[in-house]
Amino acid sequence: MIHTTDLRDKISHLFRSQFLAVLASQKDGQSYANLVAFAATEDLRNVLFSTSRSTRKFSHIQDNPQVALLVDNRSNSSADYMNALAVTALGKAREVCGAERERLTSIYLAKHPHLCEFVSSPHQALLKVDVSKYILVSNFQRVLEMDFDE
């Protein structure tokens, strides 16, 4: 049996080693997925990403804030079936503003300093996903879950 601390450590390590996540959103019953540069807060309760307010993903989130983010370490080889880890974060996304945006932007830019100009644009939104659950899949079919209390 894996302890919550071990599961949290696996997720943290994966998040530190990867720079992109697949964001899944939906609007009017149609799913949509795209890549986003992400960062997580140290306690893993929040995942951050930035996007222009004119994007489809932003419009979808404004309409329906329920999202999923997938982060994995696959190498695109047959060994991935047994060696790759994939974590899905489920939660609600919202734009952050003011002092909260400043604080969270520093976390985001610590991981993605090359995106400073991008994030600083007045057309860009910084979004925070309040994570309700993580689902970690390893060894192709071993599934572990970590829920955050509401």
Foldseek 3Di string as FASTA:
>chain_A
DDDPVRVLVVVVVLQLVDQKKWKWFDDPPDIDIDIFGWFADSVRQKIKTKDFCPDPVVVRLVRPQWMKIKGKDDPPDPCCQAAMKIKIFTFGKDFDDDPVCVVVVVRSCVSVVVCVVVCPDPRMTMMMGRTQKMWMDHGNHDIDMDGDDD
